[in-house]
PDB file of N, CA and C in Angstrom:
ATOM      1  N   MET A   1       0.828  -1.191   0.000  1.00  0.00           N
ATOM      2  CA  MET A   1       0.000   0.000   0.000  1.00  0.00           C
ATOM      3  C   MET A   1       0.868   1.250   0.000  1.00  0.00           C
ATOM      4  N   LYS A   2       1.917   1.257   0.878  1.00  0.00           N
ATOM      5  CA  LYS A   2       2.801   2.413   0.943  1.00  0.00           C
ATOM      6  C   LYS A   2       3.583   2.578  -0.353  1.00  0.00           C
ATOM      7  N   ILE A   3       3.873   1.480  -1.019  1.00  0.00           N
ATOM      8  CA  ILE A   3       4.617   1.547  -2.274  1.00  0.00           C
ATOM      9  C   ILE A   3       3.755   2.207  -3.352  1.00  0.00           C
ATOM     10  N   LYS A   4       2.468   1.841  -3.391  1.00  0.00           N
ATOM     11  CA  LYS A   4       1.563   2.430  -4.374  1.00  0.00           C
ATOM     12  C   LYS A   4       1.401   3.926  -4.127  1.00  0.00           C
ATOM     13  N   LEU A   5       1.282   4.304  -2.862  1.00  0.00           N
ATOM     14  CA  LEU A   5       1.139   5.711  -2.514  1.00  0.00           C
ATOM     15  C   LEU A   5       2.406   6.471  -2.874  1.00  0.00           C
ATOM     16  N   SER A   6       3.535   5.901  -2.568  1.00  0.00           N
ATOM     17  CA  SER A   6       4.811   6.539  -2.891  1.00  0.00           C
ATOM     18  C   SER A   6       4.971   6.687  -4.399  1.00  0.00           C
ATOM     19  N   ALA A   7       4.585   5.656  -5.144  1.00  0.00           N
ATOM     20  CA  ALA A   7       4.671   5.707  -6.602  1.00  0.00           C
ATOM     21  C   ALA A   7       3.751   6.788  -7.152  1.00  0.00           C
ATOM     22  N   ALA A   8       2.548   6.895  -6.611  1.00  0.00           N
ATOM     23  CA  ALA A   8       1.590   7.911  -7.066  1.00  0.00           C
ATOM     24  C   ALA A   8       2.125   9.313  -6.802  1.00  0.00           C
ATOM     25  N   VAL A   9       2.693   9.526  -5.615  1.00  0.00           N
ATOM     26  CA  VAL A   9       3.257  10.831  -5.271  1.00  0.00           C
ATOM     27  C   VAL A   9       4.427  11.150  -6.190  1.00  0.00           C
ATOM     28  N   LEU A  10       5.271  10.170  -6.462  1.00  0.00           N
ATOM     29  CA  LEU A  10       6.416  10.356  -7.344  1.00  0.00           C
ATOM     30  C   LEU A  10       5.964  10.723  -8.754  1.00  0.00           C
ATOM     31  N   ILE A  11       4.926  10.062  -9.248  1.00  0.00           N
ATOM     32  CA  ILE A  11       4.404  10.361 -10.585  1.00  0.00           C
ATOM     33  C   ILE A  11       3.827  11.771 -10.637  1.00  0.00           C
ATOM     34  N   ILE A  12       3.091  12.147  -9.609  1.00  0.00           N
ATOM     35  CA  ILE A  12       2.486  13.490  -9.577  1.00  0.00           C
ATOM     36  C   ILE A  12       3.565  14.566  -9.595  1.00  0.00           C
ATOM     37  N   PHE A  13       4.602  14.398  -8.769  1.00  0.00           N
ATOM     38  CA  PHE A  13       5.683  15.383  -8.743  1.00  0.00           C
ATOM     39  C   PHE A  13       6.466  15.390 -10.053  1.00  0.00           C
ATOM     40  N   SER A  14       6.616  14.243 -10.659  1.00  0.00           N
ATOM     41  CA  SER A  14       7.328  14.164 -11.940  1.00  0.00           C
ATOM     42  C   SER A  14       6.555  14.898 -13.026  1.00  0.00           C
ATOM     43  N   LEU A  15       5.250  14.704 -13.050  1.00  0.00           N
ATOM     44  CA  LEU A  15       4.431  15.388 -14.050  1.00  0.00           C
ATOM     45  C   LEU A  15       4.389  16.892 -13.810  1.00  0.00           C
ATOM     46  N   ALA A  16       4.365  17.282 -12.548  1.00  0.00           N
ATOM     47  CA  ALA A  16       4.344  18.708 -12.224  1.00  0.00           C
ATOM     48  C   ALA A  16       5.646  19.368 -12.658  1.00  0.00           C
ATOM     49  N   ALA A  17       6.745  18.640 -12.600  1.00  0.00           N
ATOM     50  CA  ALA A  17       8.036  19.187 -12.993  1.00  0.00           C
ATOM     51  C   ALA A  17       8.126  19.349 -14.504  1.00  0.00           C
ATOM     52  N   CYS A  18       7.263  18.695 -15.268  1.00  0.00           N
ATOM     53  CA  CYS A  18       7.305  18.752 -16.734  1.00  0.00           C
ATOM     54  C   CYS A  18       6.567  19.959 -17.300  1.00  0.00           C
ATOM     55  N   THR A  19       5.868  20.665 -16.475  1.00  0.00           N
ATOM     56  CA  THR A  19       5.129  21.822 -16.981  1.00  0.00           C
ATOM     57  C   THR A  19       6.101  22.948 -17.277  1.00  0.00           C
ATOM     58  N   SER A  20       5.703  23.814 -18.182  1.00  0.00           N
ATOM     59  CA  SER A  20       6.552  24.952 -18.516  1.00  0.00           C
ATOM     60  C   SER A  20       5.733  26.222 -18.403  1.00  0.00           C
ATOM     61  N   ILE A  21       6.422  27.306 -18.187  1.00  0.00           N
ATOM     62  CA  ILE A  21       5.779  28.613 -18.081  1.00  0.00           C
ATOM     63  C   ILE A  21       5.967  29.320 -19.410  1.00  0.00           C
ATOM     64  N   VAL A  22       4.865  29.762 -19.987  1.00  0.00           N
ATOM     65  CA  VAL A  22       4.908  30.441 -21.271  1.00  0.00           C
ATOM     66  C   VAL A  22       4.604  31.912 -21.038  1.00  0.00           C
ATOM     67  N   LYS A  23       5.475  32.758 -21.538  1.00  0.00           N
ATOM     68  CA  LYS A  23       5.256  34.196 -21.414  1.00  0.00           C
ATOM     69  C   LYS A  23       4.240  34.627 -22.470  1.00  0.00           C
ATOM     70  N   VAL A  24       3.231  35.346 -22.056  1.00  0.00           N
ATOM     71  CA  VAL A  24       2.173  35.794 -22.962  1.00  0.00           C
ATOM     72  C   VAL A  24       2.370  37.275 -23.220  1.00  0.00           C
ATOM     73  N   ASP A  25       2.351  37.635 -24.471  1.00  0.00           N
ATOM     74  CA  ASP A  25       2.467  39.038 -24.849  1.00  0.00           C
ATOM     75  C   ASP A  25       1.085  39.674 -24.740  1.00  0.00           C
ATOM     76  N   GLN A  26       0.845  40.374 -23.645  1.00  0.00           N
ATOM     77  CA  GLN A  26      -0.488  40.927 -23.387  1.00  0.00           C
ATOM     78  C   GLN A  26      -0.857  41.998 -24.405  1.00  0.00           C
ATOM     79  N   LYS A  27       0.131  42.725 -24.922  1.00  0.00           N
ATOM     80  CA  LYS A  27      -0.161  43.763 -25.904  1.00  0.00           C
ATOM     81  C   LYS A  27      -0.736  43.129 -27.172  1.00  0.00           C
ATOM     82  N   THR A  28      -0.123  42.067 -27.638  1.00  0.00           N
ATOM     83  CA  THR A  28      -0.619  41.372 -28.827  1.00  0.00           C
ATOM     84  C   THR A  28      -1.991  40.780 -28.574  1.00  0.00           C
ATOM     85  N   ASP A  29      -2.171  40.150 -27.420  1.00  0.00           N
ATOM     86  CA  ASP A  29      -3.457  39.541 -27.100  1.00  0.00           C
ATOM     87  C   ASP A  29      -4.561  40.589 -27.049  1.00  0.00           C
ATOM     88  N   SER A  30      -4.294  41.753 -26.476  1.00  0.00           N
ATOM     89  CA  SER A  30      -5.330  42.782 -26.390  1.00  0.00           C
ATOM     90  C   SER A  30      -5.644  43.343 -27.771  1.00  0.00           C
ATOM     91  N   ASN A  31      -4.630  43.416 -28.654  1.00  0.00           N
ATOM     92  CA  ASN A  31      -4.894  43.883 -30.020  1.00  0.00           C
ATOM     93  C   ASN A  31      -5.767  42.892 -30.773  1.00  0.00           C
ATOM     94  N   VAL A  32      -5.517  41.607 -30.602  1.00  0.00           N
ATOM     95  CA  VAL A  32      -6.329  40.575 -31.247  1.00  0.00           C
ATOM     96  C   VAL A  32      -7.752  40.644 -30.724  1.00  0.00           C
ATOM     97  N   LEU A  33      -7.902  40.783 -29.410  1.00  0.00           N
ATOM     98  CA  LEU A  33      -9.232  40.881 -28.811  1.00  0.00           C
ATOM     99  C   LEU A  33      -9.962  42.109 -29.326  1.00  0.00           C
ATOM    100  N   LYS A  34      -9.264  43.235 -29.435  1.00  0.00           N
ATOM    101  CA  LYS A  34      -9.884  44.458 -29.931  1.00  0.00           C
ATOM    102  C   LYS A  34     -10.350  44.277 -31.374  1.00  0.00           C
ATOM    103  N   GLN A  35      -9.524  43.622 -32.204  1.00  0.00           N
ATOM    104  CA  GLN A  35      -9.910  43.387 -33.592  1.00  0.00           C
ATOM    105  C   GLN A  35     -11.102  42.442 -33.673  1.00  0.00           C
ATOM    106  N   ASP A  36     -11.109  41.396 -32.856  1.00  0.00           N
ATOM    107  CA  ASP A  36     -12.226  40.461 -32.853  1.00  0.00           C
ATOM    108  C   ASP A  36     -13.515  41.143 -32.427  1.00  0.00           C
ATOM    109  N   THR A  37     -13.430  41.994 -31.412  1.00  0.00           N
ATOM    110  CA  THR A  37     -14.606  42.716 -30.930  1.00  0.00           C
ATOM    111  C   THR A  37     -15.118  43.667 -32.002  1.00  0.00           C
ATOM    112  N   GLU A  38     -14.197  44.364 -32.654  1.00  0.00           N
ATOM    113  CA  GLU A  38     -14.590  45.303 -33.702  1.00  0.00           C
ATOM    114  C   GLU A  38     -15.242  44.570 -34.876  1.00  0.00           C
ATOM    115  N   THR A  39     -14.705  43.428 -35.245  1.00  0.00           N
ATOM    116  CA  THR A  39     -15.279  42.636 -36.331  1.00  0.00           C
ATOM    117  C   THR A  39     -16.679  42.157 -35.968  1.00  0.00           C
ATOM    118  N   ALA A  40     -16.843  41.669 -34.750  1.00  0.00           N
ATOM    119  CA  ALA A  40     -18.155  41.200 -34.295  1.00  0.00           C
ATOM    120  C   ALA A  40     -19.156  42.349 -34.262  1.00  0.00           C
ATOM    121  N   ARG A  41     -18.719  43.507 -33.798  1.00  0.00           N
ATOM    122  CA  ARG A  41     -19.610  44.667 -33.728  1.00  0.00           C
ATOM    123  C   ARG A  41     -20.043  45.085 -35.135  1.00  0.00           C
ATOM    124  N   ASN A  42     -19.124  45.043 -36.098  1.00  0.00           N
ATOM    125  CA  ASN A  42     -19.460  45.426 -37.471  1.00  0.00           C
ATOM    126  C   ASN A  42     -20.468  44.467 -38.098  1.00  0.00           C
ATOM    127  N   LEU A  43     -20.454  43.225 -37.678  1.00  0.00           N
ATOM    128  CA  LEU A  43     -21.426  42.272 -38.199  1.00  0.00           C
ATOM    129  C   LEU A  43     -22.849  42.591 -37.746  1.00  0.00           C
ATOM    130  N   LEU A  44     -22.981  43.339 -36.667  1.00  0.00           N
ATOM    131  CA  LEU A  44     -24.307  43.676 -36.139  1.00  0.00           C
ATOM    132  C   LEU A  44     -24.864  44.977 -36.707  1.00  0.00           C
ATOM    133  N   LEU A  45     -24.096  45.668 -37.546  1.00  0.00           N
ATOM    134  CA  LEU A  45     -24.569  46.925 -38.116  1.00  0.00           C
ATOM    135  C   LEU A  45     -25.695  46.662 -39.105  1.00  0.00           C
ATOM    136  N   GLY A  46     -26.595  47.634 -39.196  1.00  0.00           N
ATOM    137  CA  GLY A  46     -27.686  47.517 -40.159  1.00  0.00           C
ATOM    138  C   GLY A  46     -29.035  47.405 -39.470  1.00  0.00           C
ATOM    139  N   GLN A  47     -30.009  46.923 -40.209  1.00  0.00           N
ATOM    140  CA  GLN A  47     -31.370  46.825 -39.691  1.00  0.00           C
ATOM    141  C   GLN A  47     -31.688  45.380 -39.337  1.00  0.00           C
ATOM    142  N   TRP A  48     -32.211  45.207 -38.144  1.00  0.00           N
ATOM    143  CA  TRP A  48     -32.584  43.886 -37.638  1.00  0.00           C
ATOM    144  C   TRP A  48     -34.023  43.934 -37.171  1.00  0.00           C
ATOM    145  N   CYS A  49     -34.698  42.806 -37.234  1.00  0.00           N
ATOM    146  CA  CYS A  49     -36.061  42.745 -36.722  1.00  0.00           C
ATOM    147  C   CYS A  49     -36.183  41.531 -35.805  1.00  0.00           C
ATOM    148  N   GLY A  50     -37.149  41.596 -34.932  1.00  0.00           N
ATOM    149  CA  GLY A  50     -37.386  40.486 -34.029  1.00  0.00           C
ATOM    150  C   GLY A  50     -38.859  40.376 -33.708  1.00  0.00           C
ATOM    151  N   GLU A  51     -39.246  39.215 -33.283  1.00  0.00           N
ATOM    152  CA  GLU A  51     -40.638  39.016 -32.884  1.00  0.00           C
ATOM    153  C   GLU A  51     -40.731  37.840 -31.926  1.00  0.00           C
ATOM    154  N   ARG A  52     -41.756  37.885 -31.096  1.00  0.00           N
ATOM    155  CA  ARG A  52     -42.036  36.779 -30.179  1.00  0.00           C
ATOM    156  C   ARG A  52     -43.459  36.919 -29.681  1.00  0.00           C
ATOM    157  N   PHE A  53     -43.955  35.879 -29.067  1.00  0.00           N
ATOM    158  CA  PHE A  53     -45.266  35.903 -28.421  1.00  0.00           C
ATOM    159  C   PHE A  53     -45.031  35.933 -26.917  1.00  0.00           C
ATOM    160  N   ASP A  54     -45.744  36.835 -26.235  1.00  0.00           N
ATOM    161  CA  ASP A  54     -45.603  36.885 -24.775  1.00  0.00           C
ATOM    162  C   ASP A  54     -46.496  35.824 -24.133  1.00  0.00           C
ATOM    163  N   ASP A  55     -46.508  35.783 -22.809  1.00  0.00           N
ATOM    164  CA  ASP A  55     -47.264  34.764 -22.074  1.00  0.00           C
ATOM    165  C   ASP A  55     -48.772  34.844 -22.318  1.00  0.00           C
ATOM    166  N   ASP A  56     -49.254  36.049 -22.671  1.00  0.00           N
ATOM    167  CA  ASP A  56     -50.683  36.227 -22.930  1.00  0.00           C
ATOM    168  C   ASP A  56     -51.050  35.953 -24.387  1.00  0.00           C
ATOM    169  N   GLY A  57     -50.069  35.585 -25.203  1.00  0.00           N
ATOM    170  CA  GLY A  57     -50.334  35.297 -26.598  1.00  0.00           C
ATOM    171  C   GLY A  57     -50.244  36.501 -27.512  1.00  0.00           C
ATOM    172  N   ASN A  58     -49.852  37.660 -26.989  1.00  0.00           N
ATOM    173  CA  ASN A  58     -49.713  38.854 -27.819  1.00  0.00           C
ATOM    174  C   ASN A  58     -48.474  38.733 -28.708  1.00  0.00           C
ATOM    175  N   HIS A  59     -48.606  39.157 -29.950  1.00  0.00           N
ATOM    176  CA  HIS A  59     -47.507  39.108 -30.906  1.00  0.00           C
ATOM    177  C   HIS A  59     -46.720  40.408 -30.786  1.00  0.00           C
ATOM    178  N   LEU A  60     -45.466  40.323 -30.357  1.00  0.00           N
ATOM    179  CA  LEU A  60     -44.610  41.497 -30.188  1.00  0.00           C
ATOM    180  C   LEU A  60     -43.589  41.517 -31.317  1.00  0.00           C
ATOM    181  N   ARG A  61     -43.413  42.694 -31.945  1.00  0.00           N
ATOM    182  CA  ARG A  61     -42.440  42.851 -33.029  1.00  0.00           C
ATOM    183  C   ARG A  61     -41.671  44.139 -32.833  1.00  0.00           C
ATOM    184  N   TRP A  62     -40.421  44.157 -33.322  1.00  0.00           N
ATOM    185  CA  TRP A  62     -39.596  45.345 -33.218  1.00  0.00           C
ATOM    186  C   TRP A  62     -38.588  45.390 -34.354  1.00  0.00           C
ATOM    187  N   LEU A  63     -38.127  46.600 -34.651  1.00  0.00           N
ATOM    188  CA  LEU A  63     -37.067  46.845 -35.629  1.00  0.00           C
ATOM    189  C   LEU A  63     -35.920  47.550 -34.915  1.00  0.00           C
ATOM    190  N   VAL A  64     -34.708  47.132 -35.208  1.00  0.00           N
ATOM    191  CA  VAL A  64     -33.520  47.752 -34.613  1.00  0.00           C
ATOM    192  C   VAL A  64     -32.623  48.232 -35.739  1.00  0.00           C
ATOM    193  N   ASN A  65     -32.221  49.492 -35.678  1.00  0.00           N
ATOM    194  CA  ASN A  65     -31.222  50.046 -36.593  1.00  0.00           C
ATOM    195  C   ASN A  65     -29.950  50.286 -35.794  1.00  0.00           C
ATOM    196  N   ARG A  66     -28.858  49.631 -36.187  1.00  0.00           N
ATOM    197  CA  ARG A  66     -27.570  49.807 -35.515  1.00  0.00           C
ATOM    198  C   ARG A  66     -26.631  50.546 -36.463  1.00  0.00           C
ATOM    199  N   PHE A  67     -26.017  51.616 -35.942  1.00  0.00           N
ATOM    200  CA  PHE A  67     -25.150  52.456 -36.749  1.00  0.00           C
ATOM    201  C   PHE A  67     -23.691  52.285 -36.321  1.00  0.00           C
ATOM    202  N   GLU A  68     -22.784  52.633 -37.225  1.00  0.00           N
ATOM    203  CA  GLU A  68     -21.355  52.435 -37.008  1.00  0.00           C
ATOM    204  C   GLU A  68     -20.817  53.226 -35.816  1.00  0.00           C
ATOM    205  N   ASP A  69     -21.417  54.375 -35.531  1.00  0.00           N
ATOM    206  CA  ASP A  69     -20.928  55.204 -34.428  1.00  0.00           C
ATOM    207  C   ASP A  69     -21.404  54.716 -33.057  1.00  0.00           C
ATOM    208  N   GLY A  70     -22.117  53.579 -33.002  1.00  0.00           N
ATOM    209  CA  GLY A  70     -22.577  53.023 -31.742  1.00  0.00           C
ATOM    210  C   GLY A  70     -24.024  53.364 -31.419  1.00  0.00           C
ATOM    211  N   PHE A  71     -24.594  54.296 -32.157  1.00  0.00           N
ATOM    212  CA  PHE A  71     -25.998  54.684 -31.963  1.00  0.00           C
ATOM    213  C   PHE A  71     -26.894  53.565 -32.456  1.00  0.00           C
ATOM    214  N   TYR A  72     -27.988  53.335 -31.749  1.00  0.00           N
ATOM    215  CA  TYR A  72     -28.985  52.373 -32.220  1.00  0.00           C
ATOM    216  C   TYR A  72     -30.372  52.884 -31.878  1.00  0.00           C
ATOM    217  N   GLU A  73     -31.327  52.437 -32.662  1.00  0.00           N
ATOM    218  CA  GLU A  73     -32.710  52.882 -32.530  1.00  0.00           C
ATOM    219  C   GLU A  73     -33.594  51.641 -32.552  1.00  0.00           C
ATOM    220  N   ILE A  74     -34.518  51.562 -31.609  1.00  0.00           N
ATOM    221  CA  ILE A  74     -35.453  50.437 -31.544  1.00  0.00           C
ATOM    222  C   ILE A  74     -36.862  50.968 -31.728  1.00  0.00           C
ATOM    223  N   LYS A  75     -37.581  50.407 -32.677  1.00  0.00           N
ATOM    224  CA  LYS A  75     -38.982  50.754 -32.893  1.00  0.00           C
ATOM    225  C   LYS A  75     -39.819  49.522 -32.609  1.00  0.00           C
ATOM    226  N   PHE A  76     -40.750  49.661 -31.688  1.00  0.00           N
ATOM    227  CA  PHE A  76     -41.682  48.579 -31.391  1.00  0.00           C
ATOM    228  C   PHE A  76     -42.907  48.770 -32.263  1.00  0.00           C
ATOM    229  N   ILE A  77     -43.236  47.747 -33.040  1.00  0.00           N
ATOM    230  CA  ILE A  77     -44.350  47.884 -33.972  1.00  0.00           C
ATOM    231  C   ILE A  77     -45.421  46.854 -33.686  1.00  0.00           C
TER     232      ILE A  77
END
């Protein structure tokens, strides 16, 4: 029993010693994140519509206009 426990501890420490520390360039990562966010935001530009039924069965509809400067307008119809 003690041999199995000792072997398990030895394996755990051996595996822990095999890990490496990788330096991350935060400036590059933040630039990538900023570009990804900007790309995603640009995909949402334009006119969108939505609809659903509420719990009472009423049909709800709306139009959303999203502009490049961040302004958006919602019309409930």
